[in-house]
Amino acid sequence: MRPLDGLVVLDLTRLLPGAAATMQLANFGAEVVKIEEPERGDYGRWLPPYLDGEGAVFHMVNRGKKSVALDLKSESGRDAFLKLATTADVVVESFRPGTMARLGLSYETLRASNERLIYVSITGYGQDGPWAGMAGHDINYLALGGALEGNGASGGPPAIPGIQIADLAGGAMQAVTGVLLALAARARTGRGQAVDVSMVDGVAWMMPVALGLHAATGELPARGDGELTGHYACYRVYEAADGRSIAVGALEPKFWQELCRALGCEQFIADQFAEGLRREEIIAEMARIFRTCGAADWFERLGPADVCVTPVSNVAEVAAHFGLGRGDSVVAPKLSDTPGRLGGRPPRLGEQTREILKDE
């Protein structure tokens, strides 16, 4: 048994955020049916590099789903989708605001024949407001949501993160949360509802530290120079002797004290949050010490010391650590009684069209 067994999700999304959200639902038991444009389908299928004949990213976020090819611009395709929606639990779409209404598939239309339907819309900027109609990608949502400004080295320009934070944390995970909250509400009321997921809202939600600082002091966080972005020696990335990097997160005094003892520099214990020349002196000495050993050696030495010091892993190391096979991804979170599991290969375009529409 999985917690979402029996839940039927119609997935009209393309590319990354919506696909990642619905695969999370599939991992925990939902039957996810991708509704795709005939011939072309989700164009994530065709974006290189390729894995088992599909775009590698498409492969990673569409495991365990089914595919139905429907032309929603045609009367027959629209009618087929409307029939599917009468018995579905969830619809997830990621078109620009107004697109579903123009297709005759708005929340109001679908709700008229299925009061229990949960209708999730994932967009960059929400369903209304001055930005609603704008195009965008992860970098734009991070920029307008405030996260890009604080990302990067001190004195340098904003740096683009190496992962799609807005798409995945600001979009996909907010959509999953919205579905689960709406399911909980439906269990009480018997009614579904619309869930408006704005990725820029999701980014702003992830900024309690920066927003809290500004609320308390009126200051703007300095890029790469805040308490949690490298200003102090206790919370910083250092280079090891082998060119790899070491992440130090000894923020609480107890961790800092143990780290200083382990590195033989107890003279720094009292000056964890010193400023000026003393701060620069401590950072420089820590950097010198960490350059005397390789990253793996430091982890072997400091890992058992409970000082919040870890090597910076690369993708190959992550795959090895989690025991991921080719094209596998991590299933999270871990549930004790009803755990999730990774589904099989992604569906071929329209692979289950006849199977799913035969009774419609």
Protein backbone atom coordinates (compact mmCIF):
# COMPACT_ATOMS: atom_id res chain seq x y z
CA MET A 1 0.00 0.00 0.00
CA ARG A 2 1.04 3.55 -0.79
CA PRO A 3 -0.68 6.65 0.62
CA LEU A 4 -2.03 7.88 -2.74
CA ASP A 5 -3.19 4.52 -4.12
CA GLY A 6 -6.38 5.02 -6.12
CA LEU A 7 -5.80 8.73 -6.75
CA VAL A 8 -6.14 9.62 -10.45
CA VAL A 9 -4.13 12.60 -11.71
CA LEU A 10 -4.41 14.11 -15.18
CA ASP A 11 -1.12 15.81 -16.01
CA LEU A 12 -1.21 18.41 -18.78
CA THR A 13 2.18 19.91 -17.91
CA ARG A 14 5.38 20.00 -19.93
CA LEU A 15 9.07 20.26 -19.13
CA LEU A 16 10.20 20.30 -15.48
CA PRO A 17 8.06 21.74 -12.62
CA GLY A 18 4.74 20.02 -13.29
CA ALA A 19 6.35 16.76 -14.35
CA ALA A 20 8.43 16.62 -11.16
CA ALA A 21 5.33 17.32 -9.07
CA THR A 22 3.22 14.61 -10.66
CA MET A 23 6.05 12.06 -10.49
CA GLN A 24 6.23 12.73 -6.76
CA LEU A 25 2.54 11.86 -6.61
CA ALA A 26 3.14 8.76 -8.75
CA ASN A 27 5.97 7.62 -6.47
CA PHE A 28 3.45 7.47 -3.65
CA GLY A 29 0.76 5.58 -5.51
CA ALA A 30 -1.19 7.99 -7.72
CA GLU A 31 -2.12 6.91 -11.25
CA VAL A 32 -0.72 9.78 -13.30
CA VAL A 33 -1.92 10.12 -16.88
CA LYS A 34 0.06 12.51 -19.07
CA ILE A 35 -2.19 14.23 -21.57
CA GLU A 36 0.08 15.00 -24.50
CA GLU A 37 -0.23 16.66 -27.88
CA PRO A 38 -0.26 14.03 -30.65
CA GLU A 39 2.99 13.57 -32.60
CA ARG A 40 5.02 16.06 -30.56
CA GLY A 41 3.96 15.41 -26.99
CA ASP A 42 5.81 16.94 -24.07
CA TYR A 43 8.70 18.55 -25.89
CA GLY A 44 10.92 17.62 -22.97
CA ARG A 45 11.01 14.24 -24.73
CA TRP A 46 13.15 15.68 -27.49
CA LEU A 47 15.63 17.80 -25.56
CA PRO A 48 19.16 16.33 -25.50
CA PRO A 49 21.05 14.62 -23.99
CA TYR A 50 19.11 11.38 -24.37
CA LEU A 51 18.60 8.46 -22.01
CA ASP A 52 16.98 5.30 -23.32
CA GLY A 53 15.65 7.15 -26.34
CA GLU A 54 14.09 10.08 -24.46
CA GLY A 55 15.41 13.38 -23.18
CA ALA A 56 17.37 12.63 -20.02
CA VAL A 57 15.50 15.21 -17.92
CA PHE A 58 12.16 13.96 -19.26
CA HIS A 59 13.21 10.45 -18.23
CA MET A 60 14.08 11.58 -14.70
CA VAL A 61 10.70 13.23 -13.99
CA ASN A 62 8.20 11.04 -15.84
CA ARG A 63 8.78 7.59 -14.40
CA GLY A 64 5.73 5.52 -13.47
CA LYS A 65 3.22 7.49 -15.55
CA LYS A 66 0.87 6.69 -18.45
CA SER A 67 0.52 8.72 -21.65
CA VAL A 68 -2.60 9.59 -23.62
CA ALA A 69 -2.29 11.57 -26.86
CA LEU A 70 -5.12 14.10 -27.23
CA ASP A 71 -5.52 17.20 -29.36
CA LEU A 72 -7.23 19.50 -26.89
CA LYS A 73 -7.86 22.04 -29.65
CA SER A 74 -10.15 19.59 -31.43
CA GLU A 75 -13.72 18.88 -30.37
CA SER A 76 -13.09 15.16 -30.03
CA GLY A 77 -9.94 15.68 -27.95
CA ARG A 78 -11.65 18.20 -25.70
CA ASP A 79 -14.65 15.90 -25.20
CA ALA A 80 -12.39 12.96 -24.36
CA PHE A 81 -10.55 15.02 -21.77
CA LEU A 82 -13.81 16.28 -20.24
CA LYS A 83 -14.92 12.65 -19.79
CA LEU A 84 -11.64 11.75 -18.12
CA ALA A 85 -11.95 14.74 -15.81
CA THR A 86 -15.38 13.66 -14.54
CA THR A 87 -13.78 10.79 -12.61
CA ALA A 88 -10.32 12.23 -11.96
CA ASP A 89 -9.20 13.45 -8.56
CA VAL A 90 -6.60 15.98 -9.68
CA VAL A 91 -5.80 17.98 -12.82
CA VAL A 92 -2.39 19.65 -13.05
CA GLU A 93 -1.71 22.21 -15.79
CA SER A 94 1.10 24.68 -16.41
CA PHE A 95 -0.13 26.85 -19.25
CA ARG A 96 -0.16 30.62 -19.08
CA PRO A 97 -3.23 32.10 -17.38
CA GLY A 98 -6.29 31.99 -19.64
CA THR A 99 -5.09 29.15 -21.90
CA MET A 100 -7.25 26.46 -20.29
CA ALA A 101 -10.29 28.75 -20.41
CA ARG A 102 -9.75 29.33 -24.13
CA LEU A 103 -9.67 25.56 -24.61
CA GLY A 104 -12.98 25.28 -22.74
CA LEU A 105 -11.28 23.43 -19.87
CA SER A 106 -11.27 25.97 -17.07
CA TYR A 107 -11.67 25.02 -13.42
CA GLU A 108 -15.24 26.27 -13.46
CA THR A 109 -16.05 24.09 -16.48
CA LEU A 110 -14.54 20.94 -15.03
CA ARG A 111 -15.96 21.54 -11.55
CA ALA A 112 -19.48 21.63 -12.98
CA SER A 113 -19.29 17.89 -13.64
CA ASN A 114 -16.89 16.92 -10.84
CA GLU A 115 -17.27 18.83 -7.58
CA ARG A 116 -14.48 16.79 -5.97
CA LEU A 117 -11.85 17.80 -8.54
CA ILE A 118 -8.63 19.45 -7.36
CA TYR A 119 -7.36 21.72 -10.14
CA VAL A 120 -3.70 22.79 -9.87
CA SER A 121 -2.31 25.58 -12.02
CA ILE A 122 1.47 26.06 -12.03
CA THR A 123 2.69 29.35 -13.49
CA GLY A 124 5.64 31.64 -13.13
CA TYR A 125 3.77 34.57 -11.64
CA GLY A 126 0.29 33.41 -10.63
CA GLN A 127 -3.13 33.72 -12.23
CA ASP A 128 -3.44 37.49 -11.88
CA GLY A 129 -1.39 40.59 -11.20
CA PRO A 130 0.90 42.70 -13.40
CA TRP A 131 3.29 39.82 -14.23
CA ALA A 132 0.73 37.09 -14.84
CA GLY A 133 1.09 37.03 -18.63
CA MET A 134 4.88 37.21 -18.76
CA ALA A 135 7.07 34.38 -20.01
CA GLY A 136 9.82 33.20 -17.71
CA HIS A 137 12.19 30.49 -16.58
CA ASP A 138 13.85 29.52 -13.31
CA ILE A 139 16.34 32.41 -13.48
CA ASN A 140 13.52 34.96 -13.84
CA TYR A 141 11.50 33.60 -10.91
CA LEU A 142 14.62 33.60 -8.75
CA ALA A 143 15.34 37.17 -9.84
CA LEU A 144 11.90 38.64 -9.15
CA GLY A 145 11.44 36.53 -6.02
CA GLY A 146 14.61 38.00 -4.48
CA ALA A 147 16.76 34.87 -4.28
CA LEU A 148 19.13 35.62 -7.18
CA GLU A 149 20.24 38.94 -5.70
CA GLY A 150 21.68 37.24 -2.63
CA ASN A 151 23.35 34.37 -4.47
CA GLY A 152 27.03 34.58 -5.38
CA ALA A 153 30.41 35.67 -4.07
CA SER A 154 31.05 38.86 -2.17
CA GLY A 155 31.85 41.70 -4.55
CA GLY A 156 30.70 39.73 -7.60
CA PRO A 157 27.51 39.66 -9.66
CA PRO A 158 24.52 37.48 -8.80
CA ALA A 159 25.30 33.83 -9.53
CA ILE A 160 22.91 31.39 -11.18
CA PRO A 161 22.47 28.35 -8.88
CA GLY A 162 23.46 24.98 -10.25
CA ILE A 163 19.98 23.52 -9.70
CA GLN A 164 16.49 24.71 -10.63
CA ILE A 165 15.37 26.03 -7.26
CA ALA A 166 12.33 27.98 -8.44
CA ASP A 167 11.08 25.21 -10.72
CA LEU A 168 11.45 22.45 -8.17
CA ALA A 169 11.20 23.92 -4.67
CA GLY A 170 9.15 26.98 -5.61
CA GLY A 171 6.93 25.17 -8.11
CA ALA A 172 6.88 21.36 -8.00
CA MET A 173 6.96 21.00 -4.23
CA GLN A 174 4.44 23.79 -3.72
CA ALA A 175 2.14 21.97 -6.15
CA VAL A 176 2.51 18.69 -4.25
CA THR A 177 1.80 20.51 -0.98
CA GLY A 178 -1.25 22.14 -2.55
CA VAL A 179 -2.61 18.80 -3.71
CA LEU A 180 -2.16 17.22 -0.28
CA LEU A 181 -3.76 20.18 1.51
CA ALA A 182 -6.68 20.16 -0.91
CA LEU A 183 -7.11 16.41 -0.40
CA ALA A 184 -7.21 16.94 3.37
CA ALA A 185 -9.83 19.66 2.94
CA ARG A 186 -11.85 17.48 0.54
CA ALA A 187 -11.95 14.70 3.10
CA ARG A 188 -13.83 17.12 5.37
CA THR A 189 -15.97 19.02 2.90
CA GLY A 190 -16.40 16.61 -0.01
CA ARG A 191 -15.37 19.38 -2.40
CA GLY A 192 -12.25 19.98 -4.43
CA GLN A 193 -10.78 23.40 -5.14
CA ALA A 194 -8.43 25.38 -7.36
CA VAL A 195 -4.76 25.53 -6.33
CA ASP A 196 -2.79 28.51 -7.71
CA VAL A 197 0.96 27.79 -7.65
CA SER A 198 3.13 30.79 -8.50
CA MET A 199 6.82 29.94 -8.70
CA VAL A 200 7.85 33.48 -7.86
CA ASP A 201 5.66 33.27 -4.74
CA GLY A 202 7.36 29.98 -3.92
CA VAL A 203 10.77 31.65 -4.18
CA ALA A 204 9.75 34.52 -1.90
CA TRP A 205 8.42 31.95 0.60
CA MET A 206 11.92 30.48 0.82
CA MET A 207 13.48 33.72 2.06
CA PRO A 208 12.64 33.97 5.78
CA VAL A 209 16.27 34.68 6.75
CA ALA A 210 16.79 37.55 4.31
CA LEU A 211 13.32 38.98 4.84
CA GLY A 212 13.67 38.64 8.59
CA LEU A 213 16.96 40.53 8.55
CA HIS A 214 15.41 43.30 6.49
CA ALA A 215 12.34 43.49 8.72
CA ALA A 216 14.46 43.76 11.87
CA THR A 217 17.21 46.09 10.65
CA GLY A 218 16.10 47.65 7.38
CA GLU A 219 19.33 46.36 5.85
CA LEU A 220 19.78 44.54 2.56
CA PRO A 221 21.75 41.30 2.90
CA ALA A 222 25.22 41.64 1.38
CA ARG A 223 25.83 39.09 -1.35
CA GLY A 224 28.22 36.38 -0.18
CA ASP A 225 28.85 38.25 3.05
CA GLY A 226 26.05 37.29 5.42
CA GLU A 227 26.11 35.05 8.46
CA LEU A 228 24.88 32.14 6.33
CA THR A 229 26.64 33.09 3.10
CA GLY A 230 30.31 33.11 4.04
CA HIS A 231 31.01 36.17 6.17
CA TYR A 232 32.42 34.15 9.08
CA ALA A 233 34.99 31.38 9.15
CA CYS A 234 32.52 29.03 10.85
CA TYR A 235 30.11 28.93 7.89
CA ARG A 236 32.07 28.90 4.70
CA VAL A 237 33.45 26.78 1.84
CA TYR A 238 37.18 26.06 1.78
CA GLU A 239 39.49 24.49 -0.78
CA ALA A 240 41.21 21.24 0.15
CA ALA A 241 44.66 20.07 -0.95
CA ASP A 242 43.26 18.03 -3.86
CA GLY A 243 41.32 20.95 -5.31
CA ARG A 244 38.01 19.65 -3.95
CA SER A 245 35.94 21.76 -1.59
CA ILE A 246 35.00 21.44 2.06
CA ALA A 247 31.75 22.88 3.48
CA VAL A 248 32.02 24.10 7.08
CA GLY A 249 28.75 24.70 8.92
CA ALA A 250 29.98 25.01 12.50
CA LEU A 251 27.50 27.76 13.29
CA GLU A 252 26.58 26.97 16.89
CA PRO A 253 29.35 27.72 19.41
CA LYS A 254 29.58 24.07 20.51
CA PHE A 255 30.42 22.98 16.95
CA TRP A 256 32.87 25.84 16.46
CA GLN A 257 34.66 25.00 19.70
CA GLU A 258 35.07 21.35 18.72
CA LEU A 259 36.22 22.28 15.23
CA CYS A 260 38.87 24.65 16.56
CA ARG A 261 40.12 21.93 18.92
CA ALA A 262 40.18 19.35 16.13
CA LEU A 263 42.20 21.70 13.91
CA GLY A 264 44.58 22.76 16.68
CA CYS A 265 43.55 26.42 16.70
CA GLU A 266 41.83 26.83 20.06
CA GLN A 267 42.93 30.48 20.07
CA PHE A 268 40.02 31.20 17.71
CA ILE A 269 37.25 29.80 19.93
CA ALA A 270 36.38 33.10 21.59
CA ASP A 271 36.46 35.00 18.29
CA GLN A 272 33.92 33.01 16.27
CA PHE A 273 32.03 36.15 15.27
CA ALA A 274 34.87 38.64 15.34
CA GLU A 275 34.89 41.38 12.73
CA GLY A 276 37.53 43.32 10.86
CA LEU A 277 41.13 42.15 10.69
CA ARG A 278 40.59 39.40 13.26
CA ARG A 279 37.82 37.85 11.12
CA GLU A 280 40.07 37.97 8.04
CA GLU A 281 42.93 36.44 10.00
CA ILE A 282 40.76 33.51 11.16
CA ILE A 283 39.42 32.86 7.65
CA ALA A 284 42.92 32.94 6.18
CA GLU A 285 44.28 30.50 8.76
CA MET A 286 41.34 28.14 8.35
CA ALA A 287 41.88 28.23 4.60
CA ARG A 288 45.55 27.40 5.08
CA ILE A 289 44.76 24.47 7.35
CA PHE A 290 42.16 22.98 5.00
CA ARG A 291 44.64 23.15 2.11
CA THR A 292 46.91 20.69 3.93
CA CYS A 293 44.69 17.60 3.31
CA GLY A 294 42.35 16.25 0.65
CA ALA A 295 38.59 16.59 1.05
CA ALA A 296 38.00 12.87 1.70
CA ASP A 297 40.74 12.83 4.33
CA TRP A 298 39.17 15.77 6.11
CA PHE A 299 35.78 14.04 6.10
CA GLU A 300 37.26 10.85 7.51
CA ARG A 301 38.97 12.84 10.22
CA LEU A 302 36.26 15.35 11.09
CA GLY A 303 33.08 13.44 10.30
CA PRO A 304 33.08 11.53 13.63
CA ALA A 305 33.92 14.74 15.51
CA ASP A 306 30.38 16.16 15.14
CA VAL A 307 31.54 19.52 13.83
CA CYS A 308 29.35 20.00 10.71
CA VAL A 309 32.13 19.57 8.15
CA THR A 310 31.47 17.73 4.88
CA PRO A 311 33.06 17.42 1.45
CA VAL A 312 31.24 18.99 -1.49
CA SER A 313 29.94 15.99 -3.45
CA ASN A 314 29.62 15.84 -7.21
CA VAL A 315 26.76 14.17 -9.08
CA ALA A 316 28.61 10.87 -9.56
CA GLU A 317 29.27 10.68 -5.82
CA VAL A 318 25.63 11.39 -5.03
CA ALA A 319 24.51 8.59 -7.36
CA ALA A 320 26.96 6.19 -5.76
CA HIS A 321 26.03 7.17 -2.20
CA PHE A 322 22.29 6.68 -2.77
CA GLY A 323 22.80 3.56 -4.87
CA LEU A 324 21.05 5.06 -7.88
CA GLY A 325 20.98 3.03 -11.05
CA ARG A 326 21.07 4.60 -14.51
CA GLY A 327 18.19 7.07 -14.70
CA ASP A 328 17.04 6.51 -11.12
CA SER A 329 16.20 9.30 -8.68
CA VAL A 330 15.83 9.46 -4.93
CA VAL A 331 12.38 8.75 -3.50
CA ALA A 332 11.72 11.12 -0.61
CA PRO A 333 10.42 11.46 2.05
CA LYS A 334 10.69 8.02 3.66
CA LEU A 335 7.45 6.76 5.22
CA SER A 336 7.58 3.87 7.69
CA ASP A 337 4.24 2.22 6.88
CA THR A 338 3.35 3.35 3.36
CA PRO A 339 6.65 4.09 1.59
CA GLY A 340 6.92 5.37 -1.94
CA ARG A 341 8.81 3.69 -4.76
CA LEU A 342 10.19 4.76 -8.09
CA GLY A 343 8.01 3.79 -11.05
CA GLY A 344 9.08 2.08 -14.25
CA ARG A 345 10.31 3.73 -17.42
CA PRO A 346 8.50 6.83 -18.74
CA PRO A 347 5.65 6.06 -21.14
CA ARG A 348 6.10 6.34 -24.88
CA LEU A 349 4.03 9.11 -26.41
CA GLY A 350 0.39 7.99 -26.42
CA GLU A 351 1.29 4.51 -25.21
CA GLN A 352 -1.84 4.07 -23.07
CA THR A 353 -4.29 6.07 -25.23
CA ARG A 354 -6.43 3.11 -26.24
CA GLU A 355 -6.25 1.49 -22.82
CA ILE A 356 -7.51 4.57 -20.99
CA LEU A 357 -10.02 5.86 -23.54
CA LYS A 358 -11.63 2.53 -24.39
CA ASP A 359 -14.33 2.90 -21.77
CA GLU A 360 -14.88 6.61 -22.30
